N, C-alpha and C. Protein backbone atom coordinates (compact mmCIF):
# COMPACT_ATOMS: atom_id res chain seq x y z
N MET A 1 1.62 15.26 9.35
CA MET A 1 2.63 15.21 8.28
C MET A 1 4.04 15.19 8.86
N GLU A 2 4.24 15.93 9.95
CA GLU A 2 5.57 15.99 10.58
C GLU A 2 6.05 14.62 11.03
N GLU A 3 5.13 13.83 11.65
CA GLU A 3 5.49 12.50 12.12
C GLU A 3 5.81 11.57 10.95
N VAL A 4 5.06 11.71 9.86
CA VAL A 4 5.29 10.88 8.67
C VAL A 4 6.66 11.20 8.09
N LEU A 5 6.96 12.48 7.90
CA LEU A 5 8.25 12.88 7.34
C LEU A 5 9.41 12.39 8.19
N ALA A 6 9.24 12.45 9.52
CA ALA A 6 10.31 12.05 10.44
C ALA A 6 10.69 10.58 10.28
N LYS A 7 9.78 9.76 9.73
CA LYS A 7 10.09 8.35 9.50
C LYS A 7 10.99 8.15 8.28
N TYR A 8 11.00 9.13 7.37
CA TYR A 8 11.64 8.93 6.07
C TYR A 8 12.85 9.81 5.78
N ILE A 9 12.99 10.93 6.48
CA ILE A 9 14.12 11.83 6.20
C ILE A 9 14.90 12.13 7.47
N PRO A 10 16.13 12.65 7.35
CA PRO A 10 16.90 12.98 8.55
C PRO A 10 16.13 14.00 9.41
N PRO A 11 16.13 13.82 10.73
CA PRO A 11 15.34 14.69 11.62
C PRO A 11 15.60 16.19 11.42
N ALA A 12 16.84 16.57 11.19
CA ALA A 12 17.16 17.99 11.04
C ALA A 12 16.55 18.61 9.78
N ALA A 13 16.13 17.76 8.82
CA ALA A 13 15.56 18.25 7.56
C ALA A 13 14.04 18.43 7.63
N VAL A 14 13.40 17.89 8.68
CA VAL A 14 11.94 17.87 8.75
C VAL A 14 11.32 19.28 8.71
N PRO A 15 11.75 20.24 9.55
CA PRO A 15 11.09 21.56 9.52
C PRO A 15 11.15 22.25 8.15
N THR A 16 12.31 22.22 7.51
CA THR A 16 12.46 22.88 6.20
C THR A 16 11.63 22.17 5.14
N CYS A 17 11.60 20.85 5.18
CA CYS A 17 10.79 20.08 4.22
C CYS A 17 9.30 20.36 4.41
N LEU A 18 8.89 20.38 5.65
CA LEU A 18 7.49 20.65 5.98
C LEU A 18 7.08 22.02 5.42
N GLU A 19 7.96 22.99 5.59
CA GLU A 19 7.72 24.35 5.08
C GLU A 19 7.57 24.33 3.54
N LEU A 20 8.46 23.59 2.86
CA LEU A 20 8.39 23.49 1.39
C LEU A 20 7.08 22.84 0.94
N ILE A 21 6.67 21.80 1.65
CA ILE A 21 5.43 21.07 1.31
C ILE A 21 4.22 21.97 1.49
N LYS A 22 4.15 22.68 2.62
CA LYS A 22 3.00 23.57 2.90
C LYS A 22 2.98 24.75 1.94
N LYS A 23 4.14 25.39 1.74
CA LYS A 23 4.24 26.57 0.88
C LYS A 23 3.81 26.27 -0.55
N ASN A 24 4.12 25.06 -1.03
CA ASN A 24 3.82 24.70 -2.41
C ASN A 24 2.58 23.83 -2.55
N ASP A 25 1.85 23.66 -1.44
CA ASP A 25 0.60 22.91 -1.45
C ASP A 25 0.76 21.53 -2.09
N VAL A 26 1.75 20.80 -1.60
CA VAL A 26 2.09 19.48 -2.16
C VAL A 26 1.24 18.40 -1.51
N HIS A 27 0.69 17.53 -2.36
CA HIS A 27 0.05 16.31 -1.87
C HIS A 27 1.11 15.22 -1.99
N LEU A 28 1.73 14.84 -0.86
CA LEU A 28 2.82 13.86 -0.86
C LEU A 28 2.26 12.45 -0.67
N LYS A 29 2.68 11.57 -1.58
CA LYS A 29 2.25 10.18 -1.53
C LYS A 29 3.51 9.32 -1.45
N ILE A 30 3.61 8.50 -0.41
CA ILE A 30 4.76 7.61 -0.26
C ILE A 30 4.31 6.24 -0.76
N VAL A 31 5.05 5.72 -1.76
CA VAL A 31 4.61 4.51 -2.47
C VAL A 31 5.63 3.38 -2.31
N ASN A 32 5.22 2.17 -2.67
CA ASN A 32 6.13 1.02 -2.65
C ASN A 32 7.27 1.24 -3.63
N GLN A 33 8.36 0.55 -3.39
CA GLN A 33 9.57 0.66 -4.22
C GLN A 33 9.25 0.41 -5.69
N ARG A 34 9.69 1.34 -6.56
CA ARG A 34 9.60 1.14 -8.01
C ARG A 34 11.02 1.02 -8.54
N VAL A 35 11.22 0.16 -9.51
CA VAL A 35 12.56 -0.09 -10.03
C VAL A 35 13.03 1.06 -10.91
N THR A 36 12.11 1.62 -11.69
CA THR A 36 12.52 2.59 -12.71
C THR A 36 12.66 4.02 -12.22
N ARG A 37 12.14 4.34 -11.05
CA ARG A 37 12.22 5.72 -10.58
C ARG A 37 12.17 5.80 -9.05
N HIS A 38 12.75 6.88 -8.52
CA HIS A 38 12.70 7.10 -7.07
C HIS A 38 11.47 7.93 -6.69
N GLY A 39 10.98 8.75 -7.62
CA GLY A 39 9.83 9.60 -7.34
C GLY A 39 9.31 10.25 -8.60
N ASP A 40 8.16 10.95 -8.49
CA ASP A 40 7.68 11.76 -9.62
C ASP A 40 6.75 12.86 -9.16
N TYR A 41 6.59 13.84 -10.06
CA TYR A 41 5.71 14.99 -9.81
C TYR A 41 4.63 15.00 -10.89
N ARG A 42 3.38 15.25 -10.49
CA ARG A 42 2.28 15.35 -11.45
C ARG A 42 1.38 16.52 -11.08
N LEU A 43 0.99 17.26 -12.11
CA LEU A 43 -0.07 18.26 -11.95
C LEU A 43 -1.37 17.50 -12.23
N LEU A 44 -2.22 17.38 -11.23
CA LEU A 44 -3.45 16.61 -11.38
C LEU A 44 -4.53 17.43 -12.09
N PRO A 45 -5.52 16.76 -12.70
CA PRO A 45 -6.58 17.48 -13.44
C PRO A 45 -7.29 18.57 -12.63
N ASP A 46 -7.38 18.38 -11.30
CA ASP A 46 -8.05 19.39 -10.47
C ASP A 46 -7.13 20.56 -10.12
N GLY A 47 -5.88 20.57 -10.66
CA GLY A 47 -4.96 21.68 -10.42
C GLY A 47 -4.05 21.48 -9.21
N SER A 48 -4.27 20.39 -8.47
CA SER A 48 -3.41 20.14 -7.30
C SER A 48 -2.11 19.48 -7.75
N HIS A 49 -1.12 19.50 -6.86
CA HIS A 49 0.21 18.99 -7.17
C HIS A 49 0.48 17.73 -6.36
N GLN A 50 0.75 16.62 -7.05
CA GLN A 50 1.04 15.36 -6.37
C GLN A 50 2.49 14.96 -6.59
N ILE A 51 3.15 14.62 -5.48
CA ILE A 51 4.52 14.11 -5.55
C ILE A 51 4.51 12.73 -4.92
N THR A 52 5.12 11.76 -5.63
CA THR A 52 5.27 10.43 -5.05
C THR A 52 6.76 10.17 -4.85
N VAL A 53 7.08 9.50 -3.74
CA VAL A 53 8.46 9.12 -3.43
C VAL A 53 8.43 7.67 -2.94
N ASN A 54 9.43 6.89 -3.35
CA ASN A 54 9.52 5.49 -2.93
C ASN A 54 9.79 5.38 -1.43
N ALA A 55 9.03 4.52 -0.78
CA ALA A 55 9.19 4.31 0.66
C ALA A 55 10.51 3.64 1.03
N GLY A 56 11.04 2.80 0.15
CA GLY A 56 12.22 2.01 0.48
C GLY A 56 13.53 2.76 0.48
N ALA A 57 13.51 4.01 0.06
CA ALA A 57 14.76 4.78 -0.03
C ALA A 57 15.32 5.07 1.36
N ASN A 58 16.66 5.12 1.44
CA ASN A 58 17.26 5.52 2.72
C ASN A 58 16.94 7.00 2.95
N PRO A 59 17.08 7.54 4.18
CA PRO A 59 16.63 8.91 4.46
C PRO A 59 17.30 9.98 3.59
N TYR A 60 18.54 9.77 3.19
CA TYR A 60 19.26 10.77 2.39
C TYR A 60 18.77 10.76 0.95
N ARG A 61 18.57 9.56 0.39
CA ARG A 61 18.05 9.46 -0.98
C ARG A 61 16.60 9.96 -1.01
N PHE A 62 15.83 9.63 0.02
CA PHE A 62 14.43 10.07 0.10
C PHE A 62 14.38 11.60 0.08
N LEU A 63 15.21 12.23 0.88
CA LEU A 63 15.24 13.69 0.96
C LEU A 63 15.61 14.30 -0.39
N ILE A 64 16.67 13.78 -1.03
CA ILE A 64 17.09 14.30 -2.33
C ILE A 64 15.97 14.14 -3.36
N THR A 65 15.31 12.98 -3.35
CA THR A 65 14.21 12.72 -4.28
C THR A 65 13.04 13.66 -4.04
N LEU A 66 12.67 13.84 -2.77
CA LEU A 66 11.56 14.73 -2.43
C LEU A 66 11.84 16.15 -2.92
N VAL A 67 13.03 16.66 -2.65
CA VAL A 67 13.38 18.03 -3.06
C VAL A 67 13.48 18.11 -4.59
N HIS A 68 13.99 17.05 -5.23
CA HIS A 68 14.05 16.97 -6.70
C HIS A 68 12.65 17.18 -7.29
N GLU A 69 11.67 16.47 -6.73
CA GLU A 69 10.30 16.56 -7.25
C GLU A 69 9.65 17.90 -6.92
N ILE A 70 9.91 18.43 -5.73
CA ILE A 70 9.39 19.77 -5.39
C ILE A 70 9.99 20.81 -6.33
N ALA A 71 11.24 20.61 -6.74
CA ALA A 71 11.89 21.53 -7.69
C ALA A 71 11.16 21.53 -9.03
N HIS A 72 10.64 20.36 -9.46
CA HIS A 72 9.84 20.32 -10.69
C HIS A 72 8.61 21.21 -10.55
N LEU A 73 7.94 21.10 -9.42
CA LEU A 73 6.74 21.89 -9.15
C LEU A 73 7.06 23.38 -9.11
N VAL A 74 8.09 23.77 -8.36
CA VAL A 74 8.46 25.18 -8.21
C VAL A 74 8.89 25.76 -9.56
N ALA A 75 9.68 25.01 -10.33
CA ALA A 75 10.13 25.47 -11.66
C ALA A 75 8.93 25.60 -12.60
N PHE A 76 8.01 24.66 -12.53
CA PHE A 76 6.80 24.70 -13.36
C PHE A 76 5.99 25.96 -13.06
N LYS A 77 5.81 26.26 -11.76
CA LYS A 77 5.06 27.46 -11.36
C LYS A 77 5.77 28.74 -11.82
N ALA A 78 7.10 28.75 -11.69
CA ALA A 78 7.87 29.96 -12.00
C ALA A 78 8.05 30.21 -13.49
N TYR A 79 8.24 29.14 -14.27
CA TYR A 79 8.63 29.30 -15.67
C TYR A 79 7.59 28.79 -16.68
N GLY A 80 6.54 28.12 -16.21
CA GLY A 80 5.52 27.63 -17.13
C GLY A 80 5.84 26.25 -17.67
N ARG A 81 4.92 25.73 -18.49
CA ARG A 81 5.05 24.34 -18.94
C ARG A 81 5.99 24.13 -20.11
N ARG A 82 6.52 25.20 -20.67
CA ARG A 82 7.40 25.05 -21.84
C ARG A 82 8.84 24.67 -21.49
N ILE A 83 9.19 24.70 -20.20
CA ILE A 83 10.57 24.37 -19.83
C ILE A 83 10.85 22.89 -20.00
N LYS A 84 12.12 22.55 -20.20
CA LYS A 84 12.53 21.14 -20.28
C LYS A 84 12.46 20.56 -18.87
N PRO A 85 12.03 19.28 -18.74
CA PRO A 85 11.88 18.69 -17.40
C PRO A 85 13.14 18.79 -16.53
N HIS A 86 14.32 18.59 -17.13
CA HIS A 86 15.56 18.68 -16.35
C HIS A 86 16.49 19.72 -16.97
N GLY A 87 15.90 20.80 -17.46
CA GLY A 87 16.66 21.88 -18.09
C GLY A 87 17.26 22.83 -17.07
N LYS A 88 17.81 23.93 -17.57
CA LYS A 88 18.55 24.87 -16.70
C LYS A 88 17.67 25.50 -15.61
N GLU A 89 16.39 25.74 -15.91
CA GLU A 89 15.49 26.33 -14.90
C GLU A 89 15.29 25.36 -13.73
N TRP A 90 15.08 24.08 -14.07
CA TRP A 90 14.90 23.08 -13.01
C TRP A 90 16.20 22.91 -12.22
N LYS A 91 17.34 22.84 -12.92
CA LYS A 91 18.64 22.66 -12.24
C LYS A 91 18.87 23.79 -11.24
N ARG A 92 18.62 25.02 -11.67
CA ARG A 92 18.81 26.19 -10.80
C ARG A 92 17.88 26.09 -9.58
N THR A 93 16.62 25.74 -9.83
CA THR A 93 15.63 25.63 -8.76
C THR A 93 16.01 24.52 -7.78
N PHE A 94 16.39 23.36 -8.30
CA PHE A 94 16.76 22.21 -7.46
C PHE A 94 17.95 22.58 -6.57
N THR A 95 18.96 23.19 -7.16
CA THR A 95 20.15 23.58 -6.39
C THR A 95 19.78 24.55 -5.28
N LEU A 96 18.96 25.56 -5.58
CA LEU A 96 18.56 26.55 -4.56
C LEU A 96 17.75 25.89 -3.44
N LEU A 97 16.86 24.96 -3.80
CA LEU A 97 16.05 24.30 -2.77
C LEU A 97 16.89 23.34 -1.90
N MET A 98 17.95 22.78 -2.48
CA MET A 98 18.79 21.82 -1.74
C MET A 98 19.79 22.51 -0.81
N LEU A 99 20.19 23.73 -1.13
CA LEU A 99 21.24 24.41 -0.36
C LEU A 99 21.03 24.38 1.16
N PRO A 100 19.83 24.66 1.68
CA PRO A 100 19.65 24.63 3.14
C PRO A 100 19.92 23.26 3.78
N PHE A 101 19.87 22.19 2.96
CA PHE A 101 20.03 20.84 3.49
C PHE A 101 21.48 20.35 3.46
N ILE A 102 22.31 20.96 2.62
CA ILE A 102 23.68 20.44 2.46
C ILE A 102 24.55 20.96 3.60
N ASN A 103 24.41 20.30 4.74
CA ASN A 103 25.19 20.63 5.93
C ASN A 103 25.30 19.41 6.82
N PRO A 104 26.26 19.41 7.75
CA PRO A 104 26.51 18.20 8.57
C PRO A 104 25.39 17.86 9.56
N GLN A 105 24.42 18.74 9.77
CA GLN A 105 23.29 18.39 10.64
C GLN A 105 22.32 17.45 9.90
N VAL A 106 22.33 17.53 8.55
CA VAL A 106 21.39 16.73 7.75
C VAL A 106 22.08 15.52 7.13
N PHE A 107 23.22 15.71 6.47
CA PHE A 107 23.92 14.64 5.77
C PHE A 107 25.21 14.25 6.49
N PRO A 108 25.59 12.97 6.40
CA PRO A 108 26.88 12.56 6.97
C PRO A 108 28.02 13.31 6.28
N GLN A 109 29.07 13.56 7.03
CA GLN A 109 30.24 14.33 6.56
C GLN A 109 30.78 13.80 5.22
N GLN A 110 30.84 12.47 5.07
CA GLN A 110 31.43 11.89 3.86
C GLN A 110 30.61 12.17 2.60
N LEU A 111 29.31 12.47 2.75
CA LEU A 111 28.47 12.77 1.58
C LEU A 111 28.56 14.23 1.15
N LEU A 112 28.95 15.12 2.05
CA LEU A 112 28.91 16.55 1.76
C LEU A 112 29.74 16.96 0.54
N PRO A 113 31.01 16.52 0.38
CA PRO A 113 31.76 16.93 -0.81
C PRO A 113 31.13 16.40 -2.10
N LEU A 114 30.57 15.19 -2.06
CA LEU A 114 29.93 14.62 -3.25
C LEU A 114 28.66 15.39 -3.61
N LEU A 115 27.90 15.79 -2.59
CA LEU A 115 26.69 16.58 -2.82
C LEU A 115 27.05 17.96 -3.38
N ALA A 116 28.08 18.58 -2.83
CA ALA A 116 28.51 19.90 -3.31
C ALA A 116 28.89 19.82 -4.78
N LEU A 117 29.60 18.77 -5.14
CA LEU A 117 30.01 18.58 -6.54
C LEU A 117 28.79 18.30 -7.43
N HIS A 118 27.89 17.44 -6.95
CA HIS A 118 26.70 17.08 -7.72
C HIS A 118 25.84 18.31 -8.02
N PHE A 119 25.68 19.19 -7.02
CA PHE A 119 24.77 20.32 -7.18
C PHE A 119 25.38 21.52 -7.90
N LYS A 120 26.60 21.37 -8.41
CA LYS A 120 27.13 22.38 -9.33
C LYS A 120 26.38 22.28 -10.66
N ASN A 121 25.96 21.05 -10.99
CA ASN A 121 25.20 20.82 -12.22
C ASN A 121 24.40 19.53 -12.04
N PRO A 122 23.28 19.57 -11.28
CA PRO A 122 22.56 18.34 -10.96
C PRO A 122 22.03 17.62 -12.20
N LYS A 123 22.05 16.30 -12.13
CA LYS A 123 21.58 15.46 -13.22
C LYS A 123 20.09 15.13 -13.01
N ALA A 124 19.49 14.55 -14.05
CA ALA A 124 18.08 14.17 -13.99
C ALA A 124 17.81 13.16 -12.86
N SER A 125 18.83 12.39 -12.50
CA SER A 125 18.70 11.43 -11.40
C SER A 125 20.03 11.36 -10.66
N SER A 126 19.95 11.25 -9.34
CA SER A 126 21.19 11.11 -8.57
C SER A 126 21.90 9.80 -8.94
N ASP A 127 21.15 8.84 -9.54
CA ASP A 127 21.75 7.58 -9.98
C ASP A 127 22.71 7.79 -11.15
N THR A 128 22.52 8.88 -11.92
CA THR A 128 23.40 9.17 -13.05
C THR A 128 24.79 9.56 -12.55
N ASP A 129 24.85 10.12 -11.35
CA ASP A 129 26.12 10.47 -10.72
C ASP A 129 26.59 9.23 -9.95
N ALA A 130 27.42 8.42 -10.61
CA ALA A 130 27.80 7.11 -10.06
C ALA A 130 28.44 7.21 -8.68
N ARG A 131 29.32 8.17 -8.48
CA ARG A 131 30.01 8.28 -7.18
C ARG A 131 29.02 8.60 -6.06
N LEU A 132 28.11 9.55 -6.32
CA LEU A 132 27.11 9.91 -5.32
C LEU A 132 26.16 8.74 -5.07
N SER A 133 25.76 8.06 -6.13
CA SER A 133 24.82 6.94 -6.01
C SER A 133 25.41 5.82 -5.15
N VAL A 134 26.68 5.47 -5.39
CA VAL A 134 27.33 4.41 -4.60
C VAL A 134 27.48 4.86 -3.15
N ALA A 135 27.85 6.13 -2.93
CA ALA A 135 27.98 6.65 -1.56
C ALA A 135 26.64 6.62 -0.84
N LEU A 136 25.56 7.01 -1.52
CA LEU A 136 24.22 6.96 -0.92
C LEU A 136 23.81 5.51 -0.63
N GLY A 137 24.24 4.58 -1.50
CA GLY A 137 23.90 3.17 -1.35
C GLY A 137 24.43 2.55 -0.07
N GLN A 138 25.47 3.17 0.51
CA GLN A 138 26.02 2.66 1.78
C GLN A 138 25.01 2.77 2.92
N TYR A 139 23.98 3.61 2.73
CA TYR A 139 22.98 3.82 3.78
C TYR A 139 21.70 3.05 3.50
N ASP A 140 21.70 2.24 2.41
CA ASP A 140 20.54 1.39 2.10
C ASP A 140 20.59 0.14 2.97
N PRO A 141 19.44 -0.50 3.20
CA PRO A 141 19.46 -1.78 3.90
C PRO A 141 20.28 -2.80 3.08
N PRO A 142 20.95 -3.75 3.72
CA PRO A 142 21.77 -4.72 2.98
C PRO A 142 20.91 -5.54 2.00
N THR A 143 21.48 -5.85 0.83
CA THR A 143 20.80 -6.68 -0.16
C THR A 143 21.78 -7.71 -0.70
N ASP A 144 21.28 -8.60 -1.54
CA ASP A 144 22.15 -9.60 -2.17
C ASP A 144 22.63 -9.11 -3.53
N LYS A 145 22.45 -7.81 -3.83
CA LYS A 145 22.82 -7.24 -5.12
C LYS A 145 24.27 -6.77 -5.12
N ASN A 146 24.84 -6.69 -6.33
CA ASN A 146 26.18 -6.15 -6.53
C ASN A 146 26.09 -4.99 -7.52
N TYR A 147 27.07 -4.10 -7.44
CA TYR A 147 27.19 -3.08 -8.48
C TYR A 147 27.89 -3.72 -9.67
N ILE A 148 27.60 -3.20 -10.88
CA ILE A 148 28.25 -3.72 -12.09
C ILE A 148 29.76 -3.70 -11.95
N PHE A 149 30.32 -2.62 -11.38
CA PHE A 149 31.79 -2.53 -11.29
C PHE A 149 32.38 -3.62 -10.38
N GLU A 150 31.53 -4.25 -9.55
CA GLU A 150 32.01 -5.33 -8.68
C GLU A 150 31.99 -6.70 -9.38
N ILE A 151 31.26 -6.78 -10.49
CA ILE A 151 31.19 -8.04 -11.24
C ILE A 151 32.49 -8.18 -12.05
N PRO A 152 33.17 -9.33 -11.98
CA PRO A 152 34.42 -9.47 -12.74
C PRO A 152 34.18 -9.50 -14.25
N LEU A 153 35.19 -9.14 -15.01
CA LEU A 153 35.12 -9.20 -16.47
C LEU A 153 34.75 -10.62 -16.88
N GLY A 154 33.71 -10.76 -17.70
CA GLY A 154 33.24 -12.09 -18.11
C GLY A 154 32.25 -12.70 -17.14
N GLY A 155 32.03 -12.03 -15.99
CA GLY A 155 31.06 -12.53 -15.01
C GLY A 155 29.64 -12.41 -15.53
N VAL A 156 28.77 -13.27 -15.04
CA VAL A 156 27.37 -13.30 -15.49
C VAL A 156 26.48 -12.75 -14.38
N PHE A 157 25.47 -11.96 -14.80
CA PHE A 157 24.55 -11.38 -13.82
C PHE A 157 23.14 -11.30 -14.39
N ARG A 158 22.18 -11.15 -13.47
CA ARG A 158 20.76 -11.08 -13.83
C ARG A 158 20.20 -9.74 -13.38
N LEU A 159 19.30 -9.19 -14.20
CA LEU A 159 18.58 -7.96 -13.85
C LEU A 159 17.28 -8.30 -13.13
N TYR A 160 16.64 -7.28 -12.57
CA TYR A 160 15.36 -7.45 -11.87
C TYR A 160 14.29 -8.06 -12.77
N ASN A 161 14.42 -7.88 -14.12
CA ASN A 161 13.41 -8.39 -15.05
C ASN A 161 13.73 -9.80 -15.55
N GLY A 162 14.81 -10.42 -15.01
CA GLY A 162 15.16 -11.79 -15.35
C GLY A 162 16.16 -11.93 -16.50
N LYS A 163 16.44 -10.85 -17.22
CA LYS A 163 17.40 -10.93 -18.32
C LYS A 163 18.81 -11.18 -17.78
N VAL A 164 19.56 -12.04 -18.51
CA VAL A 164 20.89 -12.44 -18.06
C VAL A 164 21.94 -11.86 -19.01
N PHE A 165 23.02 -11.32 -18.43
CA PHE A 165 24.07 -10.64 -19.19
C PHE A 165 25.45 -11.14 -18.77
N LYS A 166 26.41 -10.92 -19.67
CA LYS A 166 27.82 -11.19 -19.39
C LYS A 166 28.52 -9.84 -19.41
N ARG A 167 29.28 -9.54 -18.34
CA ARG A 167 29.95 -8.25 -18.25
C ARG A 167 31.17 -8.19 -19.17
N GLY A 168 31.25 -7.10 -19.94
CA GLY A 168 32.38 -6.89 -20.84
C GLY A 168 33.28 -5.76 -20.35
N GLN A 169 33.99 -5.18 -21.28
CA GLN A 169 34.96 -4.10 -20.98
C GLN A 169 34.25 -2.81 -20.58
N LYS A 170 34.98 -1.99 -19.84
CA LYS A 170 34.49 -0.66 -19.52
C LYS A 170 34.83 0.25 -20.68
N ARG A 171 33.86 1.01 -21.14
CA ARG A 171 34.13 2.03 -22.16
C ARG A 171 34.65 3.24 -21.42
N VAL A 172 34.17 4.44 -21.73
CA VAL A 172 34.65 5.62 -21.01
C VAL A 172 34.11 5.61 -19.58
N LYS A 173 32.77 5.58 -19.45
CA LYS A 173 32.17 5.59 -18.11
C LYS A 173 31.33 4.35 -17.84
N ARG A 174 30.80 3.74 -18.90
CA ARG A 174 29.86 2.63 -18.71
C ARG A 174 30.45 1.30 -19.17
N TYR A 175 29.80 0.23 -18.71
CA TYR A 175 30.27 -1.13 -19.03
C TYR A 175 29.45 -1.71 -20.17
N GLU A 176 30.16 -2.31 -21.12
CA GLU A 176 29.54 -2.98 -22.25
C GLU A 176 29.21 -4.39 -21.80
N CYS A 177 27.93 -4.78 -21.90
CA CYS A 177 27.51 -6.11 -21.46
C CYS A 177 26.67 -6.76 -22.55
N VAL A 178 26.80 -8.07 -22.69
CA VAL A 178 26.08 -8.81 -23.73
C VAL A 178 24.92 -9.56 -23.09
N GLU A 179 23.72 -9.37 -23.66
CA GLU A 179 22.57 -10.14 -23.21
C GLU A 179 22.73 -11.55 -23.77
N LEU A 180 22.78 -12.55 -22.91
CA LEU A 180 23.09 -13.92 -23.35
C LEU A 180 22.02 -14.50 -24.28
N ALA A 181 20.76 -14.17 -24.06
CA ALA A 181 19.68 -14.75 -24.88
C ALA A 181 19.68 -14.22 -26.31
N THR A 182 20.09 -12.94 -26.50
CA THR A 182 19.97 -12.33 -27.83
C THR A 182 21.31 -11.96 -28.47
N GLY A 183 22.37 -11.87 -27.66
CA GLY A 183 23.66 -11.44 -28.17
C GLY A 183 23.76 -9.92 -28.34
N ARG A 184 22.70 -9.20 -27.97
CA ARG A 184 22.70 -7.73 -28.09
C ARG A 184 23.59 -7.11 -27.01
N ILE A 185 24.22 -6.00 -27.37
CA ILE A 185 25.12 -5.32 -26.43
C ILE A 185 24.38 -4.14 -25.80
N TYR A 186 24.51 -4.04 -24.48
CA TYR A 186 23.91 -2.94 -23.72
C TYR A 186 25.01 -2.26 -22.93
N LEU A 187 24.80 -0.96 -22.63
CA LEU A 187 25.73 -0.22 -21.79
C LEU A 187 25.10 -0.01 -20.42
N PHE A 188 25.88 -0.29 -19.37
CA PHE A 188 25.39 -0.16 -17.99
C PHE A 188 26.23 0.86 -17.23
N ASN A 189 25.56 1.69 -16.45
CA ASN A 189 26.27 2.59 -15.54
C ASN A 189 26.98 1.73 -14.49
N PRO A 190 28.14 2.17 -13.99
CA PRO A 190 28.88 1.36 -13.02
C PRO A 190 28.11 1.09 -11.72
N ASN A 191 27.15 1.95 -11.40
CA ASN A 191 26.41 1.81 -10.15
C ASN A 191 25.08 1.06 -10.32
N ALA A 192 24.85 0.45 -11.49
CA ALA A 192 23.64 -0.37 -11.68
C ALA A 192 23.74 -1.56 -10.73
N GLN A 193 22.65 -1.84 -10.02
CA GLN A 193 22.66 -2.97 -9.09
C GLN A 193 22.04 -4.20 -9.74
N VAL A 194 22.78 -5.31 -9.66
CA VAL A 194 22.41 -6.55 -10.35
C VAL A 194 22.66 -7.74 -9.42
N GLU A 195 22.15 -8.89 -9.85
CA GLU A 195 22.34 -10.12 -9.07
C GLU A 195 23.41 -10.97 -9.79
N GLN A 196 24.53 -11.16 -9.13
CA GLN A 196 25.61 -11.96 -9.74
C GLN A 196 25.21 -13.43 -9.75
N ILE A 197 25.50 -14.11 -10.88
CA ILE A 197 25.22 -15.55 -10.99
C ILE A 197 26.56 -16.26 -11.01
N ASN A 198 26.75 -17.19 -10.09
CA ASN A 198 28.04 -17.92 -10.02
C ASN A 198 28.02 -19.14 -10.92
């Protein structure tokens, strides 16, 4: 397990992660990239705990996702099944489990202030925190995708599912975009990754 983890997370994080996995009897499954999620936690019918994490994630996103999912398991064990999936019990648990990792031996210096801010009140997904998501994206392998905020006003873009949109004005935090086929308006987070069409 140590060799496997070393391929996916920063080396300095391996011993602490290994300890979390063993202590909580986690069955870790590394899966192909999924568009809709970075990872998930499931209590299996036999009572064992399965966590899946996307293989394509950069080491920092992989680590955050792994600890996010372990926090679901730890919160479930501590508080029972009646808690909200991303409620205050999970937030508290996630923050406590992440604290040992938020240091310059594990994360690059430029990510530390963003992580400190994020973990004051962690969101259901690190993607919801646009600044952290874009900063983490700098460590992803290069792609031909753009962030919504990089698409010019009136620019046209395509999603992974083939739907085509025209970028509109920014509301408070999100961008209003029109689906060209239907004329329906959708709101996009600034850090949504899309394919620009020229």
